[in-house]
């Protein structure tokens, strides 16, 4: 959460409660779900779950149950796409 707020402040993170999933609010980018997915995949090389069915349009789900180096890589990719 700190990394995102310090490096990609337009992305808001829903504080997780006893889970390994982060919900990222990308609504400040004013992109529809297809454009968000395109940006994640093409610019960041990330395949995150789109949150439309769960949290609404503009949200994506990031699984952080992985080794630290993978999480750091994923956050850098997120920054590349949206930073």
PDB file of N, CA and C in Angstrom:
ATOM      1  N   UNK A   1       0.821  -1.183   0.000  1.00  0.00           N
ATOM      2  CA  UNK A   1       0.000   0.000   0.000  1.00  0.00           C
ATOM      3  C   UNK A   1       0.870   1.255   0.000  1.00  0.00           C
ATOM      4  N   UNK A   2       1.930   1.231   0.788  1.00  0.00           N
ATOM      5  CA  UNK A   2       2.825   2.389   0.843  1.00  0.00           C
ATOM      6  C   UNK A   2       3.492   2.632  -0.511  1.00  0.00           C
ATOM      7  N   UNK A   3       3.938   1.552  -1.147  1.00  0.00           N
ATOM      8  CA  UNK A   3       4.595   1.701  -2.445  1.00  0.00           C
ATOM      9  C   UNK A   3       3.658   2.391  -3.431  1.00  0.00           C
ATOM     10  N   UNK A   4       2.439   1.935  -3.494  1.00  0.00           N
ATOM     11  CA  UNK A   4       1.489   2.500  -4.443  1.00  0.00           C
ATOM     12  C   UNK A   4       1.189   3.954  -4.107  1.00  0.00           C
ATOM     13  N   UNK A   5       0.928   4.259  -2.856  1.00  0.00           N
ATOM     14  CA  UNK A   5       0.617   5.651  -2.502  1.00  0.00           C
ATOM     15  C   UNK A   5       1.802   6.581  -2.728  1.00  0.00           C
ATOM     16  N   UNK A   6       3.025   6.074  -2.596  1.00  0.00           N
ATOM     17  CA  UNK A   6       4.214   6.903  -2.801  1.00  0.00           C
ATOM     18  C   UNK A   6       4.640   7.017  -4.257  1.00  0.00           C
ATOM     19  N   UNK A   7       4.343   6.001  -5.065  1.00  0.00           N
ATOM     20  CA  UNK A   7       4.846   5.963  -6.436  1.00  0.00           C
ATOM     21  C   UNK A   7       3.778   6.103  -7.517  1.00  0.00           C
ATOM     22  N   UNK A   8       2.548   5.767  -7.204  1.00  0.00           N
ATOM     23  CA  UNK A   8       1.449   5.836  -8.176  1.00  0.00           C
ATOM     24  C   UNK A   8       0.237   6.419  -7.449  1.00  0.00           C
ATOM     25  N   UNK A   9       0.301   7.657  -7.009  1.00  0.00           N
ATOM     26  CA  UNK A   9      -0.728   8.209  -6.119  1.00  0.00           C
ATOM     27  C   UNK A   9      -2.134   8.292  -6.709  1.00  0.00           C
ATOM     28  N   UNK A  10      -2.272   8.214  -8.020  1.00  0.00           N
ATOM     29  CA  UNK A  10      -3.614   8.234  -8.606  1.00  0.00           C
ATOM     30  C   UNK A  10      -4.356   6.922  -8.375  1.00  0.00           C
ATOM     31  N   UNK A  11      -3.620   5.868  -8.024  1.00  0.00           N
ATOM     32  CA  UNK A  11      -4.249   4.582  -7.711  1.00  0.00           C
ATOM     33  C   UNK A  11      -4.537   4.559  -6.217  1.00  0.00           C
ATOM     34  N   UNK A  12      -5.774   4.283  -5.888  1.00  0.00           N
ATOM     35  CA  UNK A  12      -6.179   4.166  -4.488  1.00  0.00           C
ATOM     36  C   UNK A  12      -6.314   2.685  -4.157  1.00  0.00           C
ATOM     37  N   UNK A  13      -5.802   2.297  -2.999  1.00  0.00           N
ATOM     38  CA  UNK A  13      -5.841   0.901  -2.579  1.00  0.00           C
ATOM     39  C   UNK A  13      -6.869   0.745  -1.470  1.00  0.00           C
ATOM     40  N   UNK A  14      -7.771  -0.219  -1.659  1.00  0.00           N
ATOM     41  CA  UNK A  14      -8.711  -0.560  -0.601  1.00  0.00           C
ATOM     42  C   UNK A  14      -7.937  -1.365   0.440  1.00  0.00           C
ATOM     43  N   UNK A  15      -7.978  -0.944   1.696  1.00  0.00           N
ATOM     44  CA  UNK A  15      -7.221  -1.635   2.739  1.00  0.00           C
ATOM     45  C   UNK A  15      -7.722  -3.072   2.882  1.00  0.00           C
ATOM     46  N   UNK A  16      -6.817  -4.045   2.712  1.00  0.00           N
ATOM     47  CA  UNK A  16      -7.243  -5.448   2.803  1.00  0.00           C
ATOM     48  C   UNK A  16      -7.573  -5.841   4.239  1.00  0.00           C
ATOM     49  N   UNK A  17      -8.548  -6.725   4.364  1.00  0.00           N
ATOM     50  CA  UNK A  17      -8.920  -7.237   5.683  1.00  0.00           C
ATOM     51  C   UNK A  17      -8.765  -8.751   5.675  1.00  0.00           C
ATOM     52  N   UNK A  18      -7.690  -9.237   6.254  1.00  0.00           N
ATOM     53  CA  UNK A  18      -7.411 -10.667   6.382  1.00  0.00           C
ATOM     54  C   UNK A  18      -7.442 -11.389   5.036  1.00  0.00           C
ATOM     55  N   UNK A  19      -6.798 -10.805   4.050  1.00  0.00           N
ATOM     56  CA  UNK A  19      -6.760 -11.427   2.731  1.00  0.00           C
ATOM     57  C   UNK A  19      -5.437 -11.124   2.050  1.00  0.00           C
ATOM     58  N   UNK A  20      -5.164 -11.844   0.990  1.00  0.00           N
ATOM     59  CA  UNK A  20      -3.961 -11.639   0.190  1.00  0.00           C
ATOM     60  C   UNK A  20      -4.298 -10.982  -1.144  1.00  0.00           C
ATOM     61  N   UNK A  21      -5.498 -10.399  -1.232  1.00  0.00           N
ATOM     62  CA  UNK A  21      -5.924  -9.719  -2.448  1.00  0.00           C
ATOM     63  C   UNK A  21      -6.003  -8.223  -2.210  1.00  0.00           C
ATOM     64  N   UNK A  22      -5.433  -7.468  -3.128  1.00  0.00           N
ATOM     65  CA  UNK A  22      -5.547  -6.004  -3.066  1.00  0.00           C
ATOM     66  C   UNK A  22      -6.532  -5.557  -4.131  1.00  0.00           C
ATOM     67  N   UNK A  23      -7.434  -4.679  -3.747  1.00  0.00           N
ATOM     68  CA  UNK A  23      -8.330  -4.052  -4.716  1.00  0.00           C
ATOM     69  C   UNK A  23      -7.772  -2.681  -5.030  1.00  0.00           C
ATOM     70  N   UNK A  24      -7.467  -2.448  -6.283  1.00  0.00           N
ATOM     71  CA  UNK A  24      -6.889  -1.187  -6.734  1.00  0.00           C
ATOM     72  C   UNK A  24      -7.958  -0.385  -7.462  1.00  0.00           C
ATOM     73  N   UNK A  25      -8.158   0.834  -7.024  1.00  0.00           N
ATOM     74  CA  UNK A  25      -9.135   1.727  -7.640  1.00  0.00           C
ATOM     75  C   UNK A  25      -8.402   2.600  -8.653  1.00  0.00           C
ATOM     76  N   UNK A  26      -8.712   2.378  -9.928  1.00  0.00           N
ATOM     77  CA  UNK A  26      -8.057   3.112 -11.014  1.00  0.00           C
ATOM     78  C   UNK A  26      -8.995   4.151 -11.645  1.00  0.00           C
ATOM     79  N   UNK A  27     -10.038   4.517 -10.947  1.00  0.00           N
ATOM     80  CA  UNK A  27     -11.040   5.427 -11.510  1.00  0.00           C
ATOM     81  C   UNK A  27     -10.503   6.805 -11.861  1.00  0.00           C
ATOM     82  N   UNK A  28      -9.430   7.245 -11.210  1.00  0.00           N
ATOM     83  CA  UNK A  28      -8.876   8.568 -11.525  1.00  0.00           C
ATOM     84  C   UNK A  28      -8.329   8.646 -12.951  1.00  0.00           C
ATOM     85  N   UNK A  29      -8.089   7.509 -13.568  1.00  0.00           N
ATOM     86  CA  UNK A  29      -7.576   7.506 -14.938  1.00  0.00           C
ATOM     87  C   UNK A  29      -8.685   7.687 -15.966  1.00  0.00           C
ATOM     88  N   UNK A  30      -9.933   7.560 -15.521  1.00  0.00           N
ATOM     89  CA  UNK A  30     -11.102   7.781 -16.379  1.00  0.00           C
ATOM     90  C   UNK A  30     -11.045   6.951 -17.660  1.00  0.00           C
ATOM     91  N   UNK A  31     -10.713   5.672 -17.509  1.00  0.00           N
ATOM     92  CA  UNK A  31     -10.665   4.728 -18.627  1.00  0.00           C
ATOM     93  C   UNK A  31     -11.705   3.644 -18.391  1.00  0.00           C
ATOM     94  N   UNK A  32     -12.326   3.166 -19.470  1.00  0.00           N
ATOM     95  CA  UNK A  32     -13.266   2.064 -19.302  1.00  0.00           C
ATOM     96  C   UNK A  32     -12.486   0.778 -19.037  1.00  0.00           C
ATOM     97  N   UNK A  33     -13.217  -0.276 -18.684  1.00  0.00           N
ATOM     98  CA  UNK A  33     -12.567  -1.523 -18.293  1.00  0.00           C
ATOM     99  C   UNK A  33     -11.684  -2.097 -19.394  1.00  0.00           C
ATOM    100  N   UNK A  34     -12.120  -2.009 -20.633  1.00  0.00           N
ATOM    101  CA  UNK A  34     -11.311  -2.526 -21.745  1.00  0.00           C
ATOM    102  C   UNK A  34     -10.010  -1.757 -21.897  1.00  0.00           C
ATOM    103  N   UNK A  35     -10.058  -0.439 -21.765  1.00  0.00           N
ATOM    104  CA  UNK A  35      -8.841   0.378 -21.882  1.00  0.00           C
ATOM    105  C   UNK A  35      -7.903   0.124 -20.706  1.00  0.00           C
ATOM    106  N   UNK A  36      -8.466  -0.056 -19.498  1.00  0.00           N
ATOM    107  CA  UNK A  36      -7.623  -0.362 -18.343  1.00  0.00           C
ATOM    108  C   UNK A  36      -6.892  -1.691 -18.549  1.00  0.00           C
ATOM    109  N   UNK A  37      -7.630  -2.692 -19.000  1.00  0.00           N
ATOM    110  CA  UNK A  37      -7.027  -4.005 -19.232  1.00  0.00           C
ATOM    111  C   UNK A  37      -5.943  -3.921 -20.297  1.00  0.00           C
ATOM    112  N   UNK A  38      -6.231  -3.188 -21.359  1.00  0.00           N
ATOM    113  CA  UNK A  38      -5.257  -3.008 -22.441  1.00  0.00           C
ATOM    114  C   UNK A  38      -3.984  -2.361 -21.910  1.00  0.00           C
ATOM    115  N   UNK A  39      -4.124  -1.327 -21.101  1.00  0.00           N
ATOM    116  CA  UNK A  39      -2.978  -0.617 -20.535  1.00  0.00           C
ATOM    117  C   UNK A  39      -2.180  -1.537 -19.600  1.00  0.00           C
ATOM    118  N   UNK A  40      -2.884  -2.298 -18.765  1.00  0.00           N
ATOM    119  CA  UNK A  40      -2.213  -3.228 -17.857  1.00  0.00           C
ATOM    120  C   UNK A  40      -1.390  -4.257 -18.630  1.00  0.00           C
ATOM    121  N   UNK A  41      -1.995  -4.835 -19.650  1.00  0.00           N
ATOM    122  CA  UNK A  41      -1.334  -5.908 -20.402  1.00  0.00           C
ATOM    123  C   UNK A  41      -0.241  -5.367 -21.307  1.00  0.00           C
ATOM    124  N   UNK A  42      -0.561  -4.362 -22.105  1.00  0.00           N
ATOM    125  CA  UNK A  42       0.387  -3.886 -23.117  1.00  0.00           C
ATOM    126  C   UNK A  42       1.508  -3.028 -22.548  1.00  0.00           C
ATOM    127  N   UNK A  43       1.211  -2.194 -21.572  1.00  0.00           N
ATOM    128  CA  UNK A  43       2.251  -1.308 -21.025  1.00  0.00           C
ATOM    129  C   UNK A  43       2.929  -1.873 -19.784  1.00  0.00           C
ATOM    130  N   UNK A  44       2.199  -2.682 -19.015  1.00  0.00           N
ATOM    131  CA  UNK A  44       2.772  -3.209 -17.783  1.00  0.00           C
ATOM    132  C   UNK A  44       3.099  -4.691 -17.818  1.00  0.00           C
ATOM    133  N   UNK A  45       2.571  -5.401 -18.811  1.00  0.00           N
ATOM    134  CA  UNK A  45       2.790  -6.838 -18.847  1.00  0.00           C
ATOM    135  C   UNK A  45       2.131  -7.548 -17.678  1.00  0.00           C
ATOM    136  N   UNK A  46       0.997  -7.009 -17.229  1.00  0.00           N
ATOM    137  CA  UNK A  46       0.289  -7.570 -16.078  1.00  0.00           C
ATOM    138  C   UNK A  46      -1.049  -8.152 -16.496  1.00  0.00           C
ATOM    139  N   UNK A  47      -1.410  -9.261 -15.891  1.00  0.00           N
ATOM    140  CA  UNK A  47      -2.717  -9.861 -16.104  1.00  0.00           C
ATOM    141  C   UNK A  47      -3.485  -9.869 -14.805  1.00  0.00           C
ATOM    142  N   UNK A  48      -4.050  -8.732 -14.438  1.00  0.00           N
ATOM    143  CA  UNK A  48      -4.819  -8.638 -13.204  1.00  0.00           C
ATOM    144  C   UNK A  48      -6.291  -8.901 -13.488  1.00  0.00           C
ATOM    145  N   UNK A  49      -7.011  -9.291 -12.463  1.00  0.00           N
ATOM    146  CA  UNK A  49      -8.442  -9.556 -12.593  1.00  0.00           C
ATOM    147  C   UNK A  49      -9.205  -8.242 -12.569  1.00  0.00           C
ATOM    148  N   UNK A  50     -10.013  -8.034 -13.595  1.00  0.00           N
ATOM    149  CA  UNK A  50     -10.822  -6.832 -13.645  1.00  0.00           C
ATOM    150  C   UNK A  50     -11.926  -6.954 -12.598  1.00  0.00           C
ATOM    151  N   UNK A  51     -12.226  -5.862 -11.934  1.00  0.00           N
ATOM    152  CA  UNK A  51     -13.128  -5.905 -10.792  1.00  0.00           C
ATOM    153  C   UNK A  51     -14.560  -5.535 -11.040  1.00  0.00           C
ATOM    154  N   UNK A  52     -14.946  -5.334 -12.296  1.00  0.00           N
ATOM    155  CA  UNK A  52     -16.299  -4.907 -12.605  1.00  0.00           C
ATOM    156  C   UNK A  52     -17.372  -5.737 -11.939  1.00  0.00           C
ATOM    157  N   UNK A  53     -17.231  -7.047 -11.944  1.00  0.00           N
ATOM    158  CA  UNK A  53     -18.244  -7.929 -11.360  1.00  0.00           C
ATOM    159  C   UNK A  53     -18.210  -7.933  -9.835  1.00  0.00           C
ATOM    160  N   UNK A  54     -17.123  -7.457  -9.247  1.00  0.00           N
ATOM    161  CA  UNK A  54     -16.971  -7.510  -7.799  1.00  0.00           C
ATOM    162  C   UNK A  54     -17.108  -6.147  -7.140  1.00  0.00           C
ATOM    163  N   UNK A  55     -16.291  -5.202  -7.571  1.00  0.00           N
ATOM    164  CA  UNK A  55     -16.228  -3.886  -6.937  1.00  0.00           C
ATOM    165  C   UNK A  55     -16.771  -2.777  -7.832  1.00  0.00           C
ATOM    166  N   UNK A  56     -16.969  -3.073  -9.083  1.00  0.00           N
ATOM    167  CA  UNK A  56     -17.437  -2.060 -10.019  1.00  0.00           C
ATOM    168  C   UNK A  56     -16.356  -1.700 -11.018  1.00  0.00           C
ATOM    169  N   UNK A  57     -16.756  -0.992 -12.051  1.00  0.00           N
ATOM    170  CA  UNK A  57     -15.807  -0.566 -13.077  1.00  0.00           C
ATOM    171  C   UNK A  57     -14.714   0.291 -12.461  1.00  0.00           C
ATOM    172  N   UNK A  58     -13.523   0.189 -13.012  1.00  0.00           N
ATOM    173  CA  UNK A  58     -12.396   0.988 -12.545  1.00  0.00           C
ATOM    174  C   UNK A  58     -11.570   0.312 -11.470  1.00  0.00           C
ATOM    175  N   UNK A  59     -11.974  -0.891 -11.045  1.00  0.00           N
ATOM    176  CA  UNK A  59     -11.228  -1.624 -10.025  1.00  0.00           C
ATOM    177  C   UNK A  59     -10.553  -2.839 -10.644  1.00  0.00           C
ATOM    178  N   UNK A  60      -9.368  -3.171 -10.132  1.00  0.00           N
ATOM    179  CA  UNK A  60      -8.693  -4.413 -10.492  1.00  0.00           C
ATOM    180  C   UNK A  60      -8.240  -5.100  -9.214  1.00  0.00           C
ATOM    181  N   UNK A  61      -8.101  -6.414  -9.307  1.00  0.00           N
ATOM    182  CA  UNK A  61      -7.688  -7.200  -8.151  1.00  0.00           C
ATOM    183  C   UNK A  61      -6.278  -7.705  -8.376  1.00  0.00           C
ATOM    184  N   UNK A  62      -5.426  -7.495  -7.383  1.00  0.00           N
ATOM    185  CA  UNK A  62      -4.031  -7.937  -7.454  1.00  0.00           C
ATOM    186  C   UNK A  62      -3.774  -8.948  -6.337  1.00  0.00           C
ATOM    187  N   UNK A  63      -3.348 -10.142  -6.729  1.00  0.00           N
ATOM    188  CA  UNK A  63      -3.022 -11.193  -5.772  1.00  0.00           C
ATOM    189  C   UNK A  63      -1.595 -10.957  -5.291  1.00  0.00           C
ATOM    190  N   UNK A  64      -1.420 -10.796  -3.983  1.00  0.00           N
ATOM    191  CA  UNK A  64      -0.086 -10.528  -3.445  1.00  0.00           C
ATOM    192  C   UNK A  64       0.471 -11.720  -2.664  1.00  0.00           C
ATOM    193  N   UNK A  65      -0.143 -12.897  -2.840  1.00  0.00           N
ATOM    194  CA  UNK A  65       0.342 -14.124  -2.197  1.00  0.00           C
ATOM    195  C   UNK A  65       1.426 -14.739  -3.074  1.00  0.00           C
ATOM    196  N   UNK A  66       2.604 -14.153  -3.001  1.00  0.00           N
ATOM    197  CA  UNK A  66       3.715 -14.587  -3.845  1.00  0.00           C
ATOM    198  C   UNK A  66       5.020 -14.173  -3.169  1.00  0.00           C
ATOM    199  N   UNK A  67       6.137 -14.677  -3.650  1.00  0.00           N
ATOM    200  CA  UNK A  67       7.423 -14.238  -3.094  1.00  0.00           C
ATOM    201  C   UNK A  67       7.604 -12.725  -3.275  1.00  0.00           C
ATOM    202  N   UNK A  68       8.341 -12.138  -2.372  1.00  0.00           N
ATOM    203  CA  UNK A  68       8.535 -10.683  -2.373  1.00  0.00           C
ATOM    204  C   UNK A  68       9.083 -10.168  -3.707  1.00  0.00           C
ATOM    205  N   UNK A  69      10.031 -10.889  -4.298  1.00  0.00           N
ATOM    206  CA  UNK A  69      10.608 -10.404  -5.551  1.00  0.00           C
ATOM    207  C   UNK A  69       9.551 -10.325  -6.653  1.00  0.00           C
ATOM    208  N   UNK A  70       8.590 -11.246  -6.643  1.00  0.00           N
ATOM    209  CA  UNK A  70       7.524 -11.205  -7.638  1.00  0.00           C
ATOM    210  C   UNK A  70       6.587 -10.027  -7.389  1.00  0.00           C
ATOM    211  N   UNK A  71       6.282  -9.765  -6.131  1.00  0.00           N
ATOM    212  CA  UNK A  71       5.434  -8.625  -5.787  1.00  0.00           C
ATOM    213  C   UNK A  71       6.117  -7.319  -6.192  1.00  0.00           C
ATOM    214  N   UNK A  72       7.402  -7.205  -5.894  1.00  0.00           N
ATOM    215  CA  UNK A  72       8.139  -5.996  -6.271  1.00  0.00           C
ATOM    216  C   UNK A  72       8.142  -5.807  -7.783  1.00  0.00           C
ATOM    217  N   UNK A  73       8.323  -6.894  -8.516  1.00  0.00           N
ATOM    218  CA  UNK A  73       8.290  -6.831  -9.973  1.00  0.00           C
ATOM    219  C   UNK A  73       6.907  -6.389 -10.459  1.00  0.00           C
ATOM    220  N   UNK A  74       5.862  -6.955  -9.883  1.00  0.00           N
ATOM    221  CA  UNK A  74       4.506  -6.583 -10.261  1.00  0.00           C
ATOM    222  C   UNK A  74       4.211  -5.121  -9.977  1.00  0.00           C
ATOM    223  N   UNK A  75       4.684  -4.622  -8.849  1.00  0.00           N
ATOM    224  CA  UNK A  75       4.471  -3.211  -8.518  1.00  0.00           C
ATOM    225  C   UNK A  75       5.228  -2.295  -9.472  1.00  0.00           C
ATOM    226  N   UNK A  76       6.424  -2.695  -9.853  1.00  0.00           N
ATOM    227  CA  UNK A  76       7.186  -1.913 -10.834  1.00  0.00           C
ATOM    228  C   UNK A  76       6.473  -1.892 -12.190  1.00  0.00           C
ATOM    229  N   UNK A  77       5.895  -3.013 -12.560  1.00  0.00           N
ATOM    230  CA  UNK A  77       5.148  -3.078 -13.815  1.00  0.00           C
ATOM    231  C   UNK A  77       3.905  -2.192 -13.757  1.00  0.00           C
ATOM    232  N   UNK A  78       3.244  -2.192 -12.596  1.00  0.00           N
ATOM    233  CA  UNK A  78       2.076  -1.324 -12.404  1.00  0.00           C
ATOM    234  C   UNK A  78       2.484   0.140 -12.533  1.00  0.00           C
ATOM    235  N   UNK A  79       3.630   0.475 -11.959  1.00  0.00           N
ATOM    236  CA  UNK A  79       4.161   1.838 -12.042  1.00  0.00           C
ATOM    237  C   UNK A  79       4.501   2.193 -13.499  1.00  0.00           C
ATOM    238  N   UNK A  80       5.061   1.237 -14.223  1.00  0.00           N
ATOM    239  CA  UNK A  80       5.393   1.466 -15.633  1.00  0.00           C
ATOM    240  C   UNK A  80       4.134   1.804 -16.431  1.00  0.00           C
ATOM    241  N   UNK A  81       3.047   1.118 -16.152  1.00  0.00           N
ATOM    242  CA  UNK A  81       1.806   1.331 -16.887  1.00  0.00           C
ATOM    243  C   UNK A  81       1.065   2.590 -16.459  1.00  0.00           C
ATOM    244  N   UNK A  82       1.110   2.934 -15.162  1.00  0.00           N
ATOM    245  CA  UNK A  82       0.279   4.020 -14.657  1.00  0.00           C
ATOM    246  C   UNK A  82       1.033   5.128 -13.942  1.00  0.00           C
ATOM    247  N   UNK A  83       2.352   4.987 -13.812  1.00  0.00           N
ATOM    248  CA  UNK A  83       3.116   5.978 -13.054  1.00  0.00           C
ATOM    249  C   UNK A  83       3.443   7.223 -13.824  1.00  0.00           C
TER     250      UNK A  83
END
